[in-house]
Amino acid sequence: MKKWGALVVAITLLCGSTACSEKTETQSPGQIYLYGEQHAEEKILQRELEIWKEHYHNDGMRHLFVEYSYAGGQHLNLWMESDNDDFLNALYGDWEGTLGHNPLVLDFYKQIKKECPDTIFHGIDVGHQYETTEKRYLEYLEQNGLEDTEEYTLAKEGAEQGKEYRSKRSEVYRENVMVKNFIREFDSLEEESIMGIFGGAHTGLDAMESETGRVPCMGNQLKQHYGDIVHSEDLIWIIKDIEPLRVDTMEVNGKSYEALYFGKHQISEDETWCEFWRLEDAYEDFKDNKKNGVISIYRAYPMLIEEGQVFYLVITQPDGSVIKDYERSDGNTDDGQPITEGFIVE
């Protein structure tokens, strides 16, 4: 354990974490590059690794912000400095039951250690696994006589944030805490640029918190706080760049259309499924049809959508009932993402 205690001291010097300050955007010339993902998707993980390698080798970046707690980030940092995978494997075990517990994610971090060995991780989420990750890290610091360090204070704070989140089940609380923790970590770096990888719901610069829409999401709040140094790219499109499974013919109002079929996909946790078709060259025929009030968000679609397209959706609900709807993309958006809107077919 003394060996790991020395690592903590080294990582403290590298990370330079300090308490949250009142720094303004003019005091921090470093840039913030946020990338929104759908967790544990192979294509997205591959692209994120490519982007980080570009920032690391070409731009000299070393600081990678991730959607884990402070203690989770410190586990990764201890692992980066070690000659075995004990810390990574312990953390991976804590992720069981989450999307992070996936061999693709494990390999992603191993590739970072191999190809970008000086990477420093910053976890800014609440302590979801406070009974495991936070508990183990706090015990580890205690065993090494490091109770009076900032690392101990921040890990304990992360655990309390996790308990508070579990008690409240408030996504608004979590979003605001993530912003607070992000600002603390970024401001401690002074003039360093950073890259951040988070679920796409947290990275939009114009988006609201996705569950309630009551507060701006993390990316939006960071944009308001820091201004133009914040940049964001949604990588979810990568997994939507797919070819149709087949091409059908569909007749609507006596006219035949090529209907590209993209398969049947689960669109909600309550076992609601949807089959997706895109009707080719149909928009001009239906662009003036009266809307029926139905709205479908971009994240529900398995494929890319563009303005001026028409879709046919067959939705099967948990009770077995089926809803059929024609929708079109008029260019309208919700939280910066395109939407499709149902319309009436006579």
Protein backbone atom coordinates (compact mmCIF):
# COMPACT_ATOMS: atom_id res chain seq x y z
CA MET A 1 0.00 0.00 0.00
CA LYS A 2 2.96 2.34 0.50
CA LYS A 3 3.67 1.98 -3.19
CA TRP A 4 0.17 3.20 -4.04
CA GLY A 5 0.54 6.04 -1.54
CA ALA A 6 3.50 7.33 -3.51
CA LEU A 7 1.41 7.13 -6.63
CA VAL A 8 -1.29 9.29 -5.04
CA VAL A 9 1.25 11.99 -4.28
CA ALA A 10 2.57 11.85 -7.84
CA ILE A 11 -0.90 12.06 -9.30
CA THR A 12 -1.76 14.96 -7.01
CA LEU A 13 1.15 16.90 -8.46
CA LEU A 14 0.10 16.01 -11.99
CA CYS A 15 -3.58 16.83 -11.60
CA GLY A 16 -3.20 19.94 -9.47
CA SER A 17 -6.83 19.87 -8.30
CA THR A 18 -7.96 22.93 -6.36
CA ALA A 19 -11.17 24.24 -4.94
CA CYS A 20 -13.65 25.86 -7.34
CA SER A 21 -12.64 29.44 -8.13
CA GLU A 22 -14.33 32.42 -9.69
CA LYS A 23 -12.14 32.38 -12.80
CA THR A 24 -13.68 34.06 -15.81
CA GLU A 25 -13.34 33.05 -19.43
CA THR A 26 -10.71 35.76 -20.02
CA GLN A 27 -8.45 34.12 -17.40
CA SER A 28 -8.46 30.67 -19.01
CA PRO A 29 -7.15 30.50 -22.59
CA GLY A 30 -7.37 26.69 -22.55
CA GLN A 31 -10.01 25.14 -24.79
CA ILE A 32 -12.73 22.65 -23.87
CA TYR A 33 -13.62 19.99 -26.45
CA LEU A 34 -16.69 17.94 -25.54
CA TYR A 35 -17.72 14.80 -27.40
CA GLY A 36 -21.17 13.30 -26.94
CA GLU A 37 -21.50 9.53 -27.11
CA GLN A 38 -23.91 6.68 -26.81
CA HIS A 39 -22.21 4.56 -24.19
CA ALA A 40 -20.35 1.34 -25.03
CA GLU A 41 -20.81 1.57 -28.82
CA GLU A 42 -17.81 0.14 -30.65
CA LYS A 43 -17.78 2.59 -33.57
CA ILE A 44 -18.00 5.57 -31.23
CA LEU A 45 -15.30 4.23 -28.91
CA GLN A 46 -13.01 3.77 -31.91
CA ARG A 47 -13.61 7.33 -33.05
CA GLU A 48 -13.11 8.72 -29.54
CA LEU A 49 -9.77 6.93 -29.33
CA GLU A 50 -8.76 8.42 -32.68
CA ILE A 51 -9.75 11.91 -31.55
CA TRP A 52 -7.92 11.61 -28.24
CA LYS A 53 -4.77 10.39 -29.98
CA GLU A 54 -4.97 13.41 -32.30
CA HIS A 55 -5.36 15.82 -29.38
CA TYR A 56 -2.69 14.01 -27.37
CA HIS A 57 0.00 13.69 -30.03
CA ASN A 58 -0.74 16.72 -32.21
CA ASP A 59 -2.05 19.28 -29.69
CA GLY A 60 -0.14 18.20 -26.60
CA MET A 61 -3.26 17.56 -24.52
CA ARG A 62 -2.97 15.37 -21.44
CA HIS A 63 -6.23 15.89 -19.52
CA LEU A 64 -9.25 13.73 -20.35
CA PHE A 65 -12.53 14.44 -18.56
CA VAL A 66 -14.85 11.42 -18.20
CA GLU A 67 -18.34 10.58 -16.94
CA TYR A 68 -17.14 8.95 -13.73
CA SER A 69 -16.83 10.26 -10.21
CA TYR A 70 -13.70 11.88 -8.82
CA ALA A 71 -12.71 8.57 -7.20
CA GLY A 72 -13.35 6.77 -10.49
CA GLY A 73 -11.00 9.12 -12.28
CA GLN A 74 -8.38 8.61 -9.58
CA HIS A 75 -8.66 4.84 -9.96
CA LEU A 76 -7.83 5.29 -13.63
CA ASN A 77 -4.90 7.56 -12.81
CA LEU A 78 -3.49 5.08 -10.29
CA TRP A 79 -3.83 2.34 -12.88
CA MET A 80 -2.05 4.47 -15.51
CA GLU A 81 0.94 4.76 -13.15
CA SER A 82 0.96 1.09 -12.13
CA ASP A 83 2.51 -1.99 -13.71
CA ASN A 84 -0.64 -4.13 -13.45
CA ASP A 85 -4.40 -3.90 -14.03
CA ASP A 86 -5.57 -4.19 -10.41
CA PHE A 87 -7.09 -0.72 -10.20
CA LEU A 88 -8.72 -0.95 -13.61
CA ASN A 89 -10.18 -4.40 -12.89
CA ALA A 90 -11.56 -3.24 -9.55
CA LEU A 91 -13.21 -0.26 -11.22
CA TYR A 92 -14.55 -2.45 -14.02
CA GLY A 93 -16.13 -4.73 -11.45
CA ASP A 94 -17.87 -1.73 -9.91
CA TRP A 95 -19.49 -1.01 -13.29
CA GLU A 96 -21.35 -4.33 -13.36
CA GLY A 97 -24.99 -3.68 -14.26
CA THR A 98 -24.12 -0.54 -16.22
CA LEU A 99 -23.25 0.05 -19.88
CA GLY A 100 -19.65 0.58 -18.80
CA HIS A 101 -19.34 -3.10 -17.89
CA ASN A 102 -18.46 -4.06 -21.43
CA PRO A 103 -15.19 -5.54 -22.76
CA LEU A 104 -15.17 -2.83 -25.45
CA VAL A 105 -14.93 -0.16 -22.75
CA LEU A 106 -12.17 -2.06 -20.96
CA ASP A 107 -10.19 -2.32 -24.19
CA PHE A 108 -10.74 1.40 -24.86
CA TYR A 109 -8.89 2.34 -21.67
CA LYS A 110 -6.15 -0.20 -22.26
CA GLN A 111 -5.55 1.33 -25.69
CA ILE A 112 -5.29 4.77 -24.10
CA LYS A 113 -2.68 3.51 -21.64
CA LYS A 114 -0.74 1.89 -24.46
CA GLU A 115 -0.84 4.75 -26.97
CA CYS A 116 -1.27 7.83 -24.74
CA PRO A 117 0.52 6.83 -21.53
CA ASP A 118 0.65 10.31 -19.96
CA THR A 119 -3.13 10.74 -20.01
CA ILE A 120 -4.58 12.20 -16.80
CA PHE A 121 -8.23 11.43 -16.09
CA HIS A 122 -10.69 13.75 -14.38
CA GLY A 123 -13.94 12.23 -13.14
CA ILE A 124 -16.66 14.85 -12.63
CA ASP A 125 -19.86 12.85 -12.12
CA VAL A 126 -21.57 12.10 -8.81
CA GLY A 127 -20.35 8.99 -6.99
CA HIS A 128 -22.86 6.48 -8.36
CA GLN A 129 -20.83 3.57 -6.96
CA TYR A 130 -20.18 5.17 -3.58
CA GLU A 131 -20.53 1.80 -1.83
CA THR A 132 -17.67 0.39 -3.89
CA THR A 133 -15.51 2.86 -5.85
CA GLU A 134 -15.61 5.71 -3.34
CA LYS A 135 -15.45 3.39 -0.31
CA ARG A 136 -12.41 1.53 -1.64
CA TYR A 137 -10.57 4.73 -2.61
CA LEU A 138 -11.23 6.37 0.75
CA GLU A 139 -10.03 3.26 2.60
CA TYR A 140 -6.95 3.22 0.43
CA LEU A 141 -6.14 6.84 1.29
CA GLU A 142 -6.72 6.13 5.01
CA GLN A 143 -4.37 3.15 4.91
CA ASN A 144 -1.72 5.43 3.47
CA GLY A 145 -2.23 8.21 6.01
CA LEU A 146 -3.71 10.58 3.45
CA GLU A 147 -6.93 11.57 5.23
CA ASP A 148 -5.89 15.24 5.36
CA THR A 149 -5.40 15.59 1.61
CA GLU A 150 -7.59 17.25 -0.97
CA GLU A 151 -7.97 13.88 -2.66
CA TYR A 152 -9.70 12.55 0.45
CA THR A 153 -11.97 15.58 0.68
CA LEU A 154 -13.01 15.36 -2.98
CA ALA A 155 -13.56 11.60 -2.90
CA LYS A 156 -15.72 11.96 0.20
CA GLU A 157 -17.64 14.79 -1.45
CA GLY A 158 -18.22 12.60 -4.50
CA ALA A 159 -19.63 9.85 -2.28
CA GLU A 160 -22.00 12.32 -0.63
CA GLN A 161 -23.08 13.56 -4.05
CA GLY A 162 -23.83 9.98 -5.06
CA LYS A 163 -25.92 9.40 -1.93
CA GLU A 164 -27.79 12.65 -2.50
CA TYR A 165 -28.49 11.74 -6.11
CA ARG A 166 -29.76 8.28 -5.18
CA SER A 167 -31.97 9.81 -2.51
CA LYS A 168 -33.42 12.53 -4.76
CA ARG A 169 -33.32 10.70 -8.10
CA SER A 170 -33.02 14.19 -9.54
CA GLU A 171 -31.33 14.58 -12.90
CA VAL A 172 -31.39 18.34 -12.36
CA TYR A 173 -29.28 17.87 -9.22
CA ARG A 174 -26.86 15.58 -11.06
CA GLU A 175 -26.49 17.93 -14.04
CA ASN A 176 -25.71 20.88 -11.78
CA VAL A 177 -23.21 18.86 -9.74
CA MET A 178 -21.44 17.72 -12.90
CA VAL A 179 -21.07 21.35 -13.95
CA LYS A 180 -19.73 22.33 -10.53
CA ASN A 181 -17.20 19.48 -10.51
CA PHE A 182 -16.17 20.16 -14.11
CA ILE A 183 -15.48 23.82 -13.37
CA ARG A 184 -13.43 22.88 -10.30
CA GLU A 185 -11.25 20.48 -12.28
CA PHE A 186 -10.85 22.68 -15.35
CA ASP A 187 -10.03 25.83 -13.40
CA SER A 188 -7.30 23.94 -11.54
CA LEU A 189 -5.46 23.42 -14.84
CA GLU A 190 -5.01 27.12 -15.60
CA GLU A 191 -3.98 27.26 -19.27
CA GLU A 192 -4.48 23.60 -20.28
CA SER A 193 -6.89 22.51 -23.01
CA ILE A 194 -8.95 19.40 -22.30
CA MET A 195 -11.12 16.81 -24.00
CA GLY A 196 -14.29 15.45 -22.39
CA ILE A 197 -16.28 12.30 -23.19
CA PHE A 198 -19.86 12.19 -21.93
CA GLY A 199 -23.26 10.87 -22.87
CA GLY A 200 -24.71 13.00 -25.66
CA ALA A 201 -27.47 14.23 -23.34
CA HIS A 202 -24.83 16.22 -21.42
CA THR A 203 -22.86 17.85 -24.24
CA GLY A 204 -25.21 20.00 -26.33
CA LEU A 205 -24.36 23.69 -26.24
CA ASP A 206 -28.01 24.71 -26.66
CA ALA A 207 -29.68 21.71 -25.02
CA MET A 208 -31.55 21.36 -21.75
CA GLU A 209 -31.21 18.58 -19.19
CA SER A 210 -32.85 15.65 -20.95
CA GLU A 211 -35.14 14.21 -18.27
CA THR A 212 -37.05 17.32 -17.20
CA GLY A 213 -35.87 20.18 -19.42
CA ARG A 214 -35.78 22.41 -16.34
CA VAL A 215 -32.12 23.47 -16.50
CA PRO A 216 -29.51 23.75 -19.25
CA CYS A 217 -27.48 20.59 -19.72
CA MET A 218 -23.82 20.49 -18.68
CA GLY A 219 -22.46 21.61 -22.06
CA ASN A 220 -24.94 24.47 -22.21
CA GLN A 221 -24.02 25.63 -18.70
CA LEU A 222 -20.32 25.41 -19.48
CA LYS A 223 -20.87 27.47 -22.63
CA GLN A 224 -22.63 30.11 -20.55
CA HIS A 225 -19.82 30.08 -17.98
CA TYR A 226 -16.76 30.00 -20.28
CA GLY A 227 -18.02 31.33 -23.59
CA ASP A 228 -16.38 30.49 -26.91
CA ILE A 229 -13.67 28.23 -25.50
CA VAL A 230 -16.28 25.47 -25.26
CA HIS A 231 -16.73 23.27 -28.33
CA SER A 232 -18.99 20.26 -28.72
CA GLU A 233 -19.45 17.47 -31.25
CA ASP A 234 -22.14 14.80 -31.10
CA LEU A 235 -20.66 11.45 -32.18
CA ILE A 236 -23.92 9.52 -32.02
CA TRP A 237 -24.35 9.98 -35.79
CA ILE A 238 -21.57 7.42 -36.27
CA ILE A 239 -23.76 4.49 -35.25
CA LYS A 240 -26.67 5.85 -37.30
CA ASP A 241 -24.67 5.87 -40.53
CA ILE A 242 -26.10 2.55 -41.70
CA GLU A 243 -27.55 1.03 -44.86
CA PRO A 244 -31.17 -0.21 -45.03
CA LEU A 245 -31.77 -3.90 -44.45
CA ARG A 246 -33.96 -4.13 -47.54
CA VAL A 247 -35.99 -2.05 -49.96
CA ASP A 248 -39.78 -2.53 -49.99
CA THR A 249 -42.52 -0.98 -52.10
CA MET A 250 -45.21 0.92 -50.20
CA GLU A 251 -48.40 2.39 -51.66
CA VAL A 252 -49.79 5.56 -50.09
CA ASN A 253 -52.81 7.41 -51.54
CA GLY A 254 -52.61 5.33 -54.69
CA LYS A 255 -48.94 6.10 -55.36
CA SER A 256 -46.05 3.65 -54.96
CA TYR A 257 -42.85 4.60 -53.17
CA GLU A 258 -39.57 2.85 -52.53
CA ALA A 259 -39.56 2.21 -48.77
CA LEU A 260 -36.13 1.63 -47.24
CA TYR A 261 -36.46 -0.65 -44.21
CA PHE A 262 -34.07 -0.09 -41.26
CA GLY A 263 -35.30 -2.82 -38.95
CA LYS A 264 -37.12 -3.20 -35.64
CA HIS A 265 -35.59 -1.51 -32.62
CA GLN A 266 -36.45 -1.07 -28.96
CA ILE A 267 -37.16 2.63 -28.36
CA SER A 268 -37.88 2.70 -24.63
CA GLU A 269 -37.11 0.74 -21.49
CA ASP A 270 -40.73 -0.43 -21.19
CA GLU A 271 -40.28 -2.81 -24.14
CA THR A 272 -41.78 -0.53 -26.78
CA TRP A 273 -40.47 -1.46 -30.23
CA CYS A 274 -40.59 0.34 -33.54
CA GLU A 275 -40.06 -0.62 -37.17
CA PHE A 276 -38.66 2.11 -39.40
CA TRP A 277 -39.15 2.78 -43.10
CA ARG A 278 -38.04 5.84 -45.10
CA LEU A 279 -40.16 6.63 -48.16
CA GLU A 280 -37.98 7.86 -50.99
CA ASP A 281 -38.91 11.01 -52.95
CA ALA A 282 -42.12 11.44 -50.96
CA TYR A 283 -41.65 14.77 -49.15
CA GLU A 284 -43.12 17.02 -51.85
CA ASP A 285 -46.28 14.88 -51.87
CA PHE A 286 -46.85 15.21 -48.11
CA LYS A 287 -45.15 18.43 -46.97
CA ASP A 288 -48.46 20.28 -46.66
CA ASN A 289 -50.46 17.52 -44.93
CA LYS A 290 -51.88 18.54 -41.57
CA LYS A 291 -49.83 17.42 -38.56
CA ASN A 292 -51.37 15.09 -35.98
CA GLY A 293 -49.38 16.22 -32.94
CA VAL A 294 -47.04 13.22 -32.77
CA ILE A 295 -43.33 14.03 -32.40
CA SER A 296 -40.43 11.57 -32.60
CA ILE A 297 -36.97 12.52 -31.37
CA TYR A 298 -33.77 11.86 -33.31
CA ARG A 299 -32.41 9.47 -30.68
CA ALA A 300 -35.28 7.08 -31.37
CA TYR A 301 -34.14 6.57 -34.96
CA PRO A 302 -31.54 3.90 -35.79
CA MET A 303 -30.43 5.78 -38.92
CA LEU A 304 -29.52 9.29 -39.97
CA ILE A 305 -32.37 11.66 -40.80
CA GLU A 306 -32.31 14.80 -42.88
CA GLU A 307 -34.70 17.62 -43.58
CA GLY A 308 -37.20 16.85 -46.33
CA GLN A 309 -37.74 13.15 -45.66
CA VAL A 310 -40.83 11.01 -44.97
CA PHE A 311 -40.96 8.03 -42.61
CA TYR A 312 -43.40 5.25 -41.84
CA LEU A 313 -43.26 3.93 -38.26
CA VAL A 314 -44.95 0.85 -36.83
CA ILE A 315 -44.81 0.99 -33.02
CA THR A 316 -45.60 -2.07 -30.90
CA GLN A 317 -46.38 -1.23 -27.28
CA PRO A 318 -45.85 -3.54 -24.25
CA ASP A 319 -49.54 -4.52 -24.20
CA GLY A 320 -49.30 -5.69 -27.80
CA SER A 321 -51.18 -2.77 -29.32
CA VAL A 322 -49.80 -1.34 -32.54
CA ILE A 323 -49.60 2.29 -33.66
CA LYS A 324 -48.85 3.17 -37.29
CA ASP A 325 -47.77 6.67 -38.16
CA TYR A 326 -46.43 8.65 -41.11
CA GLU A 327 -43.93 11.33 -40.11
CA ARG A 328 -41.84 13.92 -41.93
CA SER A 329 -38.74 15.97 -41.14
CA ASP A 330 -39.50 19.64 -41.77
CA GLY A 331 -36.22 20.87 -40.29
CA ASN A 332 -37.62 21.47 -36.81
CA THR A 333 -35.50 20.60 -33.78
CA ASP A 334 -35.77 19.91 -30.06
CA ASP A 335 -32.77 20.68 -27.82
CA GLY A 336 -30.71 21.18 -30.95
CA GLN A 337 -31.56 17.75 -32.36
CA PRO A 338 -33.81 17.14 -35.40
CA ILE A 339 -37.29 15.78 -34.86
CA THR A 340 -39.93 14.21 -37.09
CA GLU A 341 -43.61 15.08 -36.83
CA GLY A 342 -46.60 12.91 -37.62
CA PHE A 343 -49.07 13.95 -40.30
CA ILE A 344 -52.50 12.84 -41.45
CA VAL A 345 -52.83 10.68 -44.54
CA GLU A 346 -56.35 10.70 -45.99
